[in-house]
Amino acid sequence: MSKVIILGVIGADVQGCRGHQRNPPRSQGMMRDLDYREIVQAVSEMCQEANCLISPDIRRALAQAEAGESSPLGRRVLATLLENARVAGTEMIPLCQDTGLAVVFAELGQEVHIKGGDLEEAINAGVARGYEEGFLRKSVVGDPIRRVNTGDNCPAVIHYRIVPGDRLKLTVAPKGFGSENMSALALLKPSQGLDGVRAVIIDTVRKAGPNPCPPVIVGVGLGGTMEKAALMAKEALLRPVGSGHPDPFWRQVEEELLKEVNALDIGPAGFGGRSTALAVHVKTYATHIAGLPVAVNIGCHVTRHAEREL
C-alpha cells in the first residue's frame, strides 16, 4: 500500500513539473508545407539555368584572366570562352556539350514538410523535366558496368543536410566528367603535413593537364574521413570566385597554391600560359589524430551551378 502511495506522489510531482501536460507543446515554430510541384519546377529551371548561364563571379574571373594572360594564344582562348558564354546565355543553349551528371545539394529546414510527394522523387522529377525541356544531353547510365542510358539523366547525386528553419535551399551543380575524372583522393600521414597536401594538389592539376578544360577551379577538401574530404572538395567549388577564405591562414595557403598551379604553364585549354586556374578553394574539417585525408575535385572553366531557396 505504501508503495502505491509513493508512486502516486511521484507521478503527481512529474505532472506538476510538466504543468499538468501529458504532451508538452513543441518549442519550435509551426511546420511549413512546401508543395512537391514547386520543388520539381525549381529544379527543372535550375538545371537549365546552370547549363546555359555562366555565374557573374566566374565571368569576371575569366575577363580578368584574359586581361592578365601573357600568352597570345591563351588570350584568344579566353576571349572565345567569354564569347561562348555570351551566346549561350543569349540563346539559352548549353555552355558545353557535356551537360553533366546533376549533383544537388539540399539544405532542408527541420520545420519544412513536403506536401504531395517525396523530396528525392521531386528532385529527380525536376532533373528529368529540366533535361527534357532544355534539350540537354542525357549522360547518365544506370549501371557503371552494363552502361545502359537511363534516358532522363536520372538519378541525380543528392547530398542532404538538415538545418534549422522552415526553408529549403537547393543548389544544382551539373558535373561534367572531363573535370570529374581528373579528381583525386589521398589519405596522408599526419607527419606529411601541409607540404604533403600541397604536393597532392599540384600533382593532381599537373596530371590533369588540358583534360578538365582550364582555366579550372580547384576544390580541396581537407580532414574528416575519406568520404567527408571528397564531399568538401566538391562543396568548395561552389564558393564564389574572388571570395577570400574566412581564415587568414587558409586564405594565404589558397593564394600560394594558386600561384603554384598557374606556374605549371598548362594555360587556357592546355595551350600554355599563366591562366591554368581561376581559384583554389580549400574547405577543412576536424579529423582523427592518425589521419590526414585530402581530396581534390576539379571544376572546369564554367563550374556550373544554380541555387534557390524555397
C-alpha atoms as a PDB file:
ATOM      1  CA  MET A   1       0.000   0.000   0.000  1.00  0.00           C
ATOM      2  CA  SER A   2       2.801   2.390   0.894  1.00  0.00           C
ATOM      3  CA  LYS A   3       4.404   1.705  -2.472  1.00  0.00           C
ATOM      4  CA  VAL A   4       1.214   2.725  -4.228  1.00  0.00           C
ATOM      5  CA  ILE A   5       1.071   5.974  -2.280  1.00  0.00           C
ATOM      6  CA  ILE A   6       4.735   6.809  -3.048  1.00  0.00           C
ATOM      7  CA  LEU A   7       4.283   6.116  -6.731  1.00  0.00           C
ATOM      8  CA  GLY A   8       1.208   8.294  -6.754  1.00  0.00           C
ATOM      9  CA  VAL A   9       3.148  11.177  -5.224  1.00  0.00           C
ATOM     10  CA  ILE A  10       5.982  10.765  -7.708  1.00  0.00           C
ATOM     11  CA  GLY A  11       3.513  10.712 -10.545  1.00  0.00           C
ATOM     12  CA  ALA A  12       1.891  13.897  -9.294  1.00  0.00           C
ATOM     13  CA  ASP A  13       5.285  15.607  -8.988  1.00  0.00           C
ATOM     14  CA  VAL A  14       6.204  14.706 -12.553  1.00  0.00           C
ATOM     15  CA  GLN A  15       2.911  16.037 -13.834  1.00  0.00           C
ATOM     16  CA  GLY A  16       3.456  19.196 -11.828  1.00  0.00           C
ATOM     17  CA  CYS A  17       6.876  19.743 -13.451  1.00  0.00           C
ATOM     18  CA  ARG A  18       5.197  19.433 -16.825  1.00  0.00           C
ATOM     19  CA  GLY A  19       2.460  21.879 -15.976  1.00  0.00           C
ATOM     20  CA  HIS A  20      -0.069  19.022 -15.899  1.00  0.00           C
ATOM     21  CA  GLN A  21       0.557  18.361 -19.610  1.00  0.00           C
ATOM     22  CA  ARG A  22       0.843  14.803 -20.806  1.00  0.00           C
ATOM     23  CA  ASN A  23       2.312  16.036 -24.121  1.00  0.00           C
ATOM     24  CA  PRO A  24       4.063  19.403 -23.684  1.00  0.00           C
ATOM     25  CA  PRO A  25       3.815  21.864 -26.580  1.00  0.00           C
ATOM     26  CA  ARG A  26       6.683  21.975 -29.099  1.00  0.00           C
ATOM     27  CA  SER A  27       9.106  24.814 -28.538  1.00  0.00           C
ATOM     28  CA  GLN A  28       9.845  25.046 -32.263  1.00  0.00           C
ATOM     29  CA  GLY A  29       7.825  27.053 -34.753  1.00  0.00           C
ATOM     30  CA  MET A  30       4.939  25.671 -36.746  1.00  0.00           C
ATOM     31  CA  MET A  31       5.660  23.282 -39.606  1.00  0.00           C
ATOM     32  CA  ARG A  32       5.544  24.868 -43.070  1.00  0.00           C
ATOM     33  CA  ASP A  33       4.140  22.976 -46.044  1.00  0.00           C
ATOM     34  CA  LEU A  34       6.127  23.063 -49.280  1.00  0.00           C
ATOM     35  CA  ASP A  35       4.443  21.668 -52.357  1.00  0.00           C
ATOM     36  CA  TYR A  36       6.172  18.846 -54.229  1.00  0.00           C
ATOM     37  CA  ARG A  37       5.358  20.515 -57.566  1.00  0.00           C
ATOM     38  CA  GLU A  38       7.167  23.695 -56.559  1.00  0.00           C
ATOM     39  CA  ILE A  39      10.361  21.700 -55.983  1.00  0.00           C
ATOM     40  CA  VAL A  40      10.030  19.909 -59.327  1.00  0.00           C
ATOM     41  CA  GLN A  41       9.647  23.202 -61.185  1.00  0.00           C
ATOM     42  CA  ALA A  42      12.531  24.893 -59.360  1.00  0.00           C
ATOM     43  CA  VAL A  43      14.928  22.024 -60.030  1.00  0.00           C
ATOM     44  CA  SER A  44      13.887  21.908 -63.687  1.00  0.00           C
ATOM     45  CA  GLU A  45      14.599  25.613 -64.111  1.00  0.00           C
ATOM     46  CA  MET A  46      17.918  25.396 -62.234  1.00  0.00           C
ATOM     47  CA  CYS A  47      19.141  22.528 -64.425  1.00  0.00           C
ATOM     48  CA  GLN A  48      18.573  24.704 -67.490  1.00  0.00           C
ATOM     49  CA  GLU A  49      19.980  27.884 -65.936  1.00  0.00           C
ATOM     50  CA  ALA A  50      23.119  26.187 -64.630  1.00  0.00           C
ATOM     51  CA  ASN A  51      23.835  24.630 -68.026  1.00  0.00           C
ATOM     52  CA  CYS A  52      23.254  27.798 -70.035  1.00  0.00           C
ATOM     53  CA  LEU A  53      24.198  30.755 -67.825  1.00  0.00           C
ATOM     54  CA  ILE A  54      27.680  31.416 -66.508  1.00  0.00           C
ATOM     55  CA  SER A  55      27.765  32.863 -62.985  1.00  0.00           C
ATOM     56  CA  PRO A  56      28.854  36.525 -62.665  1.00  0.00           C
ATOM     57  CA  ASP A  57      31.872  35.718 -60.459  1.00  0.00           C
ATOM     58  CA  ILE A  58      33.302  33.275 -62.997  1.00  0.00           C
ATOM     59  CA  ARG A  59      32.598  35.656 -65.888  1.00  0.00           C
ATOM     60  CA  ARG A  60      34.569  38.365 -64.065  1.00  0.00           C
ATOM     61  CA  ALA A  61      37.405  35.946 -63.298  1.00  0.00           C
ATOM     62  CA  LEU A  62      37.657  34.888 -66.959  1.00  0.00           C
ATOM     63  CA  ALA A  63      37.737  38.533 -68.061  1.00  0.00           C
ATOM     64  CA  GLN A  64      40.481  39.293 -65.531  1.00  0.00           C
ATOM     65  CA  ALA A  65      42.414  36.239 -66.688  1.00  0.00           C
ATOM     66  CA  GLU A  66      42.171  37.413 -70.300  1.00  0.00           C
ATOM     67  CA  ALA A  67      43.476  40.857 -69.342  1.00  0.00           C
ATOM     68  CA  GLY A  68      46.438  39.376 -67.461  1.00  0.00           C
ATOM     69  CA  GLU A  69      47.313  36.470 -69.760  1.00  0.00           C
ATOM     70  CA  SER A  70      50.822  36.666 -71.239  1.00  0.00           C
ATOM     71  CA  SER A  71      50.238  34.095 -73.969  1.00  0.00           C
ATOM     72  CA  PRO A  72      48.605  35.461 -77.162  1.00  0.00           C
ATOM     73  CA  LEU A  73      47.024  32.059 -77.837  1.00  0.00           C
ATOM     74  CA  GLY A  74      45.856  31.888 -74.222  1.00  0.00           C
ATOM     75  CA  ARG A  75      44.162  35.289 -74.596  1.00  0.00           C
ATOM     76  CA  ARG A  76      42.386  34.099 -77.729  1.00  0.00           C
ATOM     77  CA  VAL A  77      41.122  31.014 -75.921  1.00  0.00           C
ATOM     78  CA  LEU A  78      39.819  33.101 -73.027  1.00  0.00           C
ATOM     79  CA  ALA A  79      38.143  35.545 -75.409  1.00  0.00           C
ATOM     80  CA  THR A  80      36.476  32.591 -77.136  1.00  0.00           C
ATOM     81  CA  LEU A  81      35.265  31.190 -73.824  1.00  0.00           C
ATOM     82  CA  LEU A  82      33.714  34.539 -72.935  1.00  0.00           C
ATOM     83  CA  GLU A  83      32.040  34.789 -76.341  1.00  0.00           C
ATOM     84  CA  ASN A  84      30.742  31.234 -75.943  1.00  0.00           C
ATOM     85  CA  ALA A  85      29.247  32.204 -72.588  1.00  0.00           C
ATOM     86  CA  ARG A  86      27.619  35.281 -74.117  1.00  0.00           C
ATOM     87  CA  VAL A  87      25.997  33.294 -76.921  1.00  0.00           C
ATOM     88  CA  ALA A  88      24.887  30.503 -74.574  1.00  0.00           C
ATOM     89  CA  GLY A  89      23.218  32.995 -72.255  1.00  0.00           C
ATOM     90  CA  THR A  90      21.554  34.928 -75.062  1.00  0.00           C
ATOM     91  CA  GLU A  91      20.221  31.856 -76.867  1.00  0.00           C
ATOM     92  CA  MET A  92      19.707  29.725 -73.728  1.00  0.00           C
ATOM     93  CA  ILE A  93      21.758  26.885 -75.168  1.00  0.00           C
ATOM     94  CA  PRO A  94      24.289  24.797 -73.212  1.00  0.00           C
ATOM     95  CA  LEU A  95      27.680  26.273 -72.400  1.00  0.00           C
ATOM     96  CA  CYS A  96      29.170  22.844 -73.103  1.00  0.00           C
ATOM     97  CA  GLN A  97      28.087  19.692 -74.924  1.00  0.00           C
ATOM     98  CA  ASP A  98      28.667  17.747 -71.690  1.00  0.00           C
ATOM     99  CA  THR A  99      25.667  18.865 -69.655  1.00  0.00           C
ATOM    100  CA  GLY A 100      26.828  16.719 -66.780  1.00  0.00           C
ATOM    101  CA  LEU A 101      25.512  14.486 -64.080  1.00  0.00           C
ATOM    102  CA  ALA A 102      23.167  16.503 -61.865  1.00  0.00           C
ATOM    103  CA  VAL A 103      24.660  16.956 -58.401  1.00  0.00           C
ATOM    104  CA  VAL A 104      22.158  18.503 -55.987  1.00  0.00           C
ATOM    105  CA  PHE A 105      22.809  19.926 -52.531  1.00  0.00           C
ATOM    106  CA  ALA A 106      19.625  20.106 -50.462  1.00  0.00           C
ATOM    107  CA  GLU A 107      19.540  22.008 -47.162  1.00  0.00           C
ATOM    108  CA  LEU A 108      16.194  21.095 -45.632  1.00  0.00           C
ATOM    109  CA  GLY A 109      14.849  23.164 -42.767  1.00  0.00           C
ATOM    110  CA  GLN A 110      13.696  20.928 -39.940  1.00  0.00           C
ATOM    111  CA  GLU A 111      10.328  22.689 -39.918  1.00  0.00           C
ATOM    112  CA  VAL A 112       9.564  22.037 -43.594  1.00  0.00           C
ATOM    113  CA  HIS A 113       7.016  19.407 -44.593  1.00  0.00           C
ATOM    114  CA  ILE A 114       6.993  18.297 -48.236  1.00  0.00           C
ATOM    115  CA  LYS A 115       3.359  18.062 -49.316  1.00  0.00           C
ATOM    116  CA  GLY A 116       2.204  15.884 -52.184  1.00  0.00           C
ATOM    117  CA  GLY A 117       5.267  13.708 -52.638  1.00  0.00           C
ATOM    118  CA  ASP A 118       8.768  12.742 -51.614  1.00  0.00           C
ATOM    119  CA  LEU A 119      11.706  15.175 -51.711  1.00  0.00           C
ATOM    120  CA  GLU A 120      14.037  12.825 -53.568  1.00  0.00           C
ATOM    121  CA  GLU A 121      11.327  12.000 -56.091  1.00  0.00           C
ATOM    122  CA  ALA A 122      10.700  15.719 -56.597  1.00  0.00           C
ATOM    123  CA  ILE A 123      14.378  16.439 -57.238  1.00  0.00           C
ATOM    124  CA  ASN A 124      14.714  13.623 -59.767  1.00  0.00           C
ATOM    125  CA  ALA A 125      11.462  14.591 -61.468  1.00  0.00           C
ATOM    126  CA  GLY A 126      12.810  18.142 -61.757  1.00  0.00           C
ATOM    127  CA  VAL A 127      16.080  16.910 -63.261  1.00  0.00           C
ATOM    128  CA  ALA A 128      14.214  14.766 -65.797  1.00  0.00           C
ATOM    129  CA  ARG A 129      11.953  17.670 -66.773  1.00  0.00           C
ATOM    130  CA  GLY A 130      14.793  20.169 -66.972  1.00  0.00           C
ATOM    131  CA  TYR A 131      16.946  17.991 -69.200  1.00  0.00           C
ATOM    132  CA  GLU A 132      13.990  17.210 -71.471  1.00  0.00           C
ATOM    133  CA  GLU A 133      12.613  20.743 -71.772  1.00  0.00           C
ATOM    134  CA  GLY A 134      16.069  22.307 -72.036  1.00  0.00           C
ATOM    135  CA  PHE A 135      17.234  19.856 -74.728  1.00  0.00           C
ATOM    136  CA  LEU A 136      20.189  18.969 -72.537  1.00  0.00           C
ATOM    137  CA  ARG A 137      22.267  15.882 -73.277  1.00  0.00           C
ATOM    138  CA  LYS A 138      21.297  12.923 -71.118  1.00  0.00           C
ATOM    139  CA  SER A 139      24.549  11.385 -69.918  1.00  0.00           C
ATOM    140  CA  VAL A 140      23.615   9.020 -67.081  1.00  0.00           C
ATOM    141  CA  VAL A 141      23.889   5.226 -67.286  1.00  0.00           C
ATOM    142  CA  GLY A 142      22.028   3.083 -64.784  1.00  0.00           C
ATOM    143  CA  ASP A 143      24.866   0.689 -64.024  1.00  0.00           C
ATOM    144  CA  PRO A 144      28.594   1.515 -64.141  1.00  0.00           C
ATOM    145  CA  ILE A 145      29.482  -1.730 -65.956  1.00  0.00           C
ATOM    146  CA  ARG A 146      26.460  -2.582 -68.117  1.00  0.00           C
ATOM    147  CA  ARG A 147      26.115   1.103 -69.045  1.00  0.00           C
ATOM    148  CA  VAL A 148      22.559   1.418 -70.358  1.00  0.00           C
ATOM    149  CA  ASN A 149      21.498   5.069 -70.575  1.00  0.00           C
ATOM    150  CA  THR A 150      18.617   5.876 -68.221  1.00  0.00           C
ATOM    151  CA  GLY A 151      17.155   8.251 -70.805  1.00  0.00           C
ATOM    152  CA  ASP A 152      16.343  11.114 -68.439  1.00  0.00           C
ATOM    153  CA  ASN A 153      19.695  11.995 -66.787  1.00  0.00           C
ATOM    154  CA  CYS A 154      18.449  10.481 -63.536  1.00  0.00           C
ATOM    155  CA  PRO A 155      19.130   9.624 -60.834  1.00  0.00           C
ATOM    156  CA  ALA A 156      20.810  12.753 -59.554  1.00  0.00           C
ATOM    157  CA  VAL A 157      23.508  12.576 -56.893  1.00  0.00           C
ATOM    158  CA  ILE A 158      21.887  14.271 -53.893  1.00  0.00           C
ATOM    159  CA  HIS A 159      23.557  15.472 -50.710  1.00  0.00           C
ATOM    160  CA  TYR A 160      21.207  16.312 -47.821  1.00  0.00           C
ATOM    161  CA  ARG A 161      21.641  18.485 -44.759  1.00  0.00           C
ATOM    162  CA  ILE A 162      19.018  19.090 -42.082  1.00  0.00           C
ATOM    163  CA  VAL A 163      19.248  22.693 -40.897  1.00  0.00           C
ATOM    164  CA  PRO A 164      17.203  24.967 -38.609  1.00  0.00           C
ATOM    165  CA  GLY A 165      14.285  26.877 -40.070  1.00  0.00           C
ATOM    166  CA  ASP A 166      11.397  26.443 -42.474  1.00  0.00           C
ATOM    167  CA  ARG A 167      13.100  26.872 -45.841  1.00  0.00           C
ATOM    168  CA  LEU A 168      14.553  24.506 -48.436  1.00  0.00           C
ATOM    169  CA  LYS A 169      17.743  25.642 -50.158  1.00  0.00           C
ATOM    170  CA  LEU A 170      18.654  23.780 -53.333  1.00  0.00           C
ATOM    171  CA  THR A 171      21.880  24.009 -55.316  1.00  0.00           C
ATOM    172  CA  VAL A 172      22.070  22.244 -58.666  1.00  0.00           C
ATOM    173  CA  ALA A 173      25.627  21.692 -59.899  1.00  0.00           C
ATOM    174  CA  PRO A 174      25.796  19.697 -63.165  1.00  0.00           C
ATOM    175  CA  LYS A 175      29.215  17.993 -63.199  1.00  0.00           C
ATOM    176  CA  GLY A 176      30.884  17.143 -66.474  1.00  0.00           C
ATOM    177  CA  PHE A 177      33.278  14.245 -66.379  1.00  0.00           C
ATOM    178  CA  GLY A 178      36.150  15.822 -68.268  1.00  0.00           C
ATOM    179  CA  SER A 179      36.859  17.550 -64.967  1.00  0.00           C
ATOM    180  CA  GLU A 180      35.415  14.946 -62.590  1.00  0.00           C
ATOM    181  CA  ASN A 181      37.709  12.246 -63.979  1.00  0.00           C
ATOM    182  CA  MET A 182      40.734  14.364 -63.102  1.00  0.00           C
ATOM    183  CA  SER A 183      39.934  14.471 -59.386  1.00  0.00           C
ATOM    184  CA  ALA A 184      41.924  12.648 -56.710  1.00  0.00           C
ATOM    185  CA  LEU A 185      41.841  11.380 -53.132  1.00  0.00           C
ATOM    186  CA  ALA A 186      44.812  10.719 -50.855  1.00  0.00           C
ATOM    187  CA  LEU A 187      44.955   9.515 -47.263  1.00  0.00           C
ATOM    188  CA  LEU A 188      48.157  11.025 -45.953  1.00  0.00           C
ATOM    189  CA  LYS A 189      50.031  10.510 -42.719  1.00  0.00           C
ATOM    190  CA  PRO A 190      49.754  13.468 -40.329  1.00  0.00           C
ATOM    191  CA  SER A 191      53.528  13.839 -40.467  1.00  0.00           C
ATOM    192  CA  GLN A 192      53.293  14.744 -44.162  1.00  0.00           C
ATOM    193  CA  GLY A 193      51.566  17.971 -43.116  1.00  0.00           C
ATOM    194  CA  LEU A 194      50.899  20.940 -45.357  1.00  0.00           C
ATOM    195  CA  ASP A 195      53.804  20.075 -47.678  1.00  0.00           C
ATOM    196  CA  GLY A 196      52.181  16.704 -48.370  1.00  0.00           C
ATOM    197  CA  VAL A 197      48.838  18.368 -49.025  1.00  0.00           C
ATOM    198  CA  ARG A 198      50.444  20.844 -51.442  1.00  0.00           C
ATOM    199  CA  ALA A 199      52.140  18.023 -53.311  1.00  0.00           C
ATOM    200  CA  VAL A 200      48.832  16.172 -53.805  1.00  0.00           C
ATOM    201  CA  ILE A 201      47.085  19.290 -55.120  1.00  0.00           C
ATOM    202  CA  ILE A 202      49.839  20.363 -57.511  1.00  0.00           C
ATOM    203  CA  ASP A 203      50.403  16.825 -58.775  1.00  0.00           C
ATOM    204  CA  THR A 204      46.675  16.387 -59.405  1.00  0.00           C
ATOM    205  CA  VAL A 205      46.468  19.559 -61.509  1.00  0.00           C
ATOM    206  CA  ARG A 206      49.685  18.694 -63.358  1.00  0.00           C
ATOM    207  CA  LYS A 207      48.408  15.247 -64.291  1.00  0.00           C
ATOM    208  CA  ALA A 208      45.041  16.693 -65.321  1.00  0.00           C
ATOM    209  CA  GLY A 209      46.694  18.908 -67.933  1.00  0.00           C
ATOM    210  CA  PRO A 210      44.197  20.119 -70.548  1.00  0.00           C
ATOM    211  CA  ASN A 211      41.560  17.449 -69.810  1.00  0.00           C
ATOM    212  CA  PRO A 212      39.348  19.444 -67.369  1.00  0.00           C
ATOM    213  CA  CYS A 213      39.064  22.426 -69.792  1.00  0.00           C
ATOM    214  CA  PRO A 214      41.241  25.005 -67.997  1.00  0.00           C
ATOM    215  CA  PRO A 215      41.275  27.564 -66.574  1.00  0.00           C
ATOM    216  CA  VAL A 216      39.893  25.453 -63.759  1.00  0.00           C
ATOM    217  CA  ILE A 217      38.693  25.914 -60.227  1.00  0.00           C
ATOM    218  CA  VAL A 218      40.439  23.613 -57.770  1.00  0.00           C
ATOM    219  CA  GLY A 219      38.281  22.435 -54.876  1.00  0.00           C
ATOM    220  CA  VAL A 220      40.144  20.936 -51.929  1.00  0.00           C
ATOM    221  CA  GLY A 221      38.618  19.010 -49.017  1.00  0.00           C
ATOM    222  CA  LEU A 222      40.946  18.512 -46.083  1.00  0.00           C
ATOM    223  CA  GLY A 223      40.182  16.482 -42.948  1.00  0.00           C
ATOM    224  CA  GLY A 224      37.232  14.428 -41.800  1.00  0.00           C
ATOM    225  CA  THR A 225      37.185  10.946 -43.315  1.00  0.00           C
ATOM    226  CA  MET A 226      37.640   9.657 -46.845  1.00  0.00           C
ATOM    227  CA  GLU A 227      34.076  10.456 -47.942  1.00  0.00           C
ATOM    228  CA  LYS A 228      33.883  13.728 -46.000  1.00  0.00           C
ATOM    229  CA  ALA A 229      37.022  15.051 -47.680  1.00  0.00           C
ATOM    230  CA  ALA A 230      35.631  14.199 -51.123  1.00  0.00           C
ATOM    231  CA  LEU A 231      32.317  15.903 -50.384  1.00  0.00           C
ATOM    232  CA  MET A 232      34.039  19.034 -49.060  1.00  0.00           C
ATOM    233  CA  ALA A 233      36.185  19.236 -52.202  1.00  0.00           C
ATOM    234  CA  LYS A 234      33.033  19.352 -54.328  1.00  0.00           C
ATOM    235  CA  GLU A 235      31.358  21.856 -51.989  1.00  0.00           C
ATOM    236  CA  ALA A 236      34.445  24.073 -52.194  1.00  0.00           C
ATOM    237  CA  LEU A 237      33.824  24.539 -55.921  1.00  0.00           C
ATOM    238  CA  LEU A 238      30.581  26.373 -55.116  1.00  0.00           C
ATOM    239  CA  ARG A 239      32.276  29.196 -53.229  1.00  0.00           C
ATOM    240  CA  PRO A 240      32.249  32.403 -55.290  1.00  0.00           C
ATOM    241  CA  VAL A 241      35.490  33.013 -57.162  1.00  0.00           C
ATOM    242  CA  GLY A 242      37.215  36.030 -55.670  1.00  0.00           C
ATOM    243  CA  SER A 243      35.928  35.475 -52.146  1.00  0.00           C
ATOM    244  CA  GLY A 244      38.766  35.004 -49.709  1.00  0.00           C
ATOM    245  CA  HIS A 245      38.798  32.155 -47.220  1.00  0.00           C
ATOM    246  CA  PRO A 246      37.425  33.391 -43.858  1.00  0.00           C
ATOM    247  CA  ASP A 247      40.505  32.041 -42.050  1.00  0.00           C
ATOM    248  CA  PRO A 248      43.597  34.196 -42.824  1.00  0.00           C
ATOM    249  CA  PHE A 249      45.882  31.150 -42.622  1.00  0.00           C
ATOM    250  CA  TRP A 250      43.965  29.255 -45.290  1.00  0.00           C
ATOM    251  CA  ARG A 251      43.468  32.410 -47.363  1.00  0.00           C
ATOM    252  CA  GLN A 252      47.228  32.697 -47.642  1.00  0.00           C
ATOM    253  CA  VAL A 253      47.579  28.991 -48.438  1.00  0.00           C
ATOM    254  CA  GLU A 254      44.980  29.309 -51.213  1.00  0.00           C
ATOM    255  CA  GLU A 255      46.809  32.288 -52.714  1.00  0.00           C
ATOM    256  CA  GLU A 256      50.128  30.439 -52.633  1.00  0.00           C
ATOM    257  CA  LEU A 257      48.604  27.331 -54.184  1.00  0.00           C
ATOM    258  CA  LEU A 258      47.010  29.380 -56.968  1.00  0.00           C
ATOM    259  CA  LYS A 259      50.418  30.846 -57.848  1.00  0.00           C
ATOM    260  CA  GLU A 260      51.965  27.384 -57.892  1.00  0.00           C
ATOM    261  CA  VAL A 261      49.194  25.978 -60.070  1.00  0.00           C
ATOM    262  CA  ASN A 262      49.453  28.847 -62.556  1.00  0.00           C
ATOM    263  CA  ALA A 263      53.213  28.395 -62.719  1.00  0.00           C
ATOM    264  CA  LEU A 264      52.622  24.945 -64.274  1.00  0.00           C
ATOM    265  CA  ASP A 265      52.151  26.691 -67.650  1.00  0.00           C
ATOM    266  CA  ILE A 266      49.219  24.489 -68.663  1.00  0.00           C
ATOM    267  CA  GLY A 267      47.211  27.584 -69.526  1.00  0.00           C
ATOM    268  CA  PRO A 268      43.785  28.066 -71.151  1.00  0.00           C
ATOM    269  CA  ALA A 269      42.658  24.868 -72.923  1.00  0.00           C
ATOM    270  CA  GLY A 270      46.128  23.471 -72.249  1.00  0.00           C
ATOM    271  CA  PHE A 271      47.856  25.728 -74.811  1.00  0.00           C
ATOM    272  CA  GLY A 272      50.220  27.271 -72.266  1.00  0.00           C
ATOM    273  CA  GLY A 273      50.047  30.472 -70.260  1.00  0.00           C
ATOM    274  CA  ARG A 274      49.587  31.697 -66.735  1.00  0.00           C
ATOM    275  CA  SER A 275      45.821  31.119 -66.511  1.00  0.00           C
ATOM    276  CA  THR A 276      45.700  27.450 -65.552  1.00  0.00           C
ATOM    277  CA  ALA A 277      43.306  28.090 -62.636  1.00  0.00           C
ATOM    278  CA  LEU A 278      40.929  30.864 -61.659  1.00  0.00           C
ATOM    279  CA  ALA A 279      40.929  29.881 -57.976  1.00  0.00           C
ATOM    280  CA  VAL A 280      41.922  27.314 -55.385  1.00  0.00           C
ATOM    281  CA  HIS A 281      39.292  26.849 -52.674  1.00  0.00           C
ATOM    282  CA  VAL A 282      40.044  24.872 -49.515  1.00  0.00           C
ATOM    283  CA  LYS A 283      37.439  23.514 -47.114  1.00  0.00           C
ATOM    284  CA  THR A 284      38.504  21.852 -43.858  1.00  0.00           C
ATOM    285  CA  TYR A 285      37.003  19.719 -41.108  1.00  0.00           C
ATOM    286  CA  ALA A 286      38.169  18.092 -37.890  1.00  0.00           C
ATOM    287  CA  THR A 287      39.857  14.724 -38.338  1.00  0.00           C
ATOM    288  CA  HIS A 288      41.367  11.791 -36.446  1.00  0.00           C
ATOM    289  CA  ILE A 289      44.768  12.082 -34.753  1.00  0.00           C
ATOM    290  CA  ALA A 290      46.085   9.337 -37.070  1.00  0.00           C
ATOM    291  CA  GLY A 291      44.796  10.735 -40.364  1.00  0.00           C
ATOM    292  CA  LEU A 292      45.140  13.499 -42.931  1.00  0.00           C
ATOM    293  CA  PRO A 293      42.604  12.911 -45.732  1.00  0.00           C
ATOM    294  CA  VAL A 294      42.870  15.251 -48.724  1.00  0.00           C
ATOM    295  CA  ALA A 295      40.602  15.287 -51.769  1.00  0.00           C
ATOM    296  CA  VAL A 296      40.875  17.391 -54.907  1.00  0.00           C
ATOM    297  CA  ASN A 297      37.815  17.980 -57.093  1.00  0.00           C
ATOM    298  CA  ILE A 298      38.463  19.972 -60.236  1.00  0.00           C
ATOM    299  CA  GLY A 299      35.831  22.180 -61.847  1.00  0.00           C
ATOM    300  CA  CYS A 300      36.052  23.252 -65.485  1.00  0.00           C
ATOM    301  CA  HIS A 301      36.207  26.875 -66.630  1.00  0.00           C
ATOM    302  CA  VAL A 302      32.447  27.370 -66.033  1.00  0.00           C
ATOM    303  CA  THR A 303      31.962  25.171 -62.912  1.00  0.00           C
ATOM    304  CA  ARG A 304      28.190  25.346 -63.364  1.00  0.00           C
ATOM    305  CA  HIS A 305      25.724  25.813 -60.546  1.00  0.00           C
ATOM    306  CA  ALA A 306      22.451  27.497 -59.687  1.00  0.00           C
ATOM    307  CA  GLU A 307      20.733  27.873 -56.338  1.00  0.00           C
ATOM    308  CA  ARG A 308      17.330  28.795 -54.956  1.00  0.00           C
ATOM    309  CA  GLU A 309      15.612  28.988 -51.616  1.00  0.00           C
ATOM    310  CA  LEU A 310      12.012  27.828 -51.409  1.00  0.00           C
END
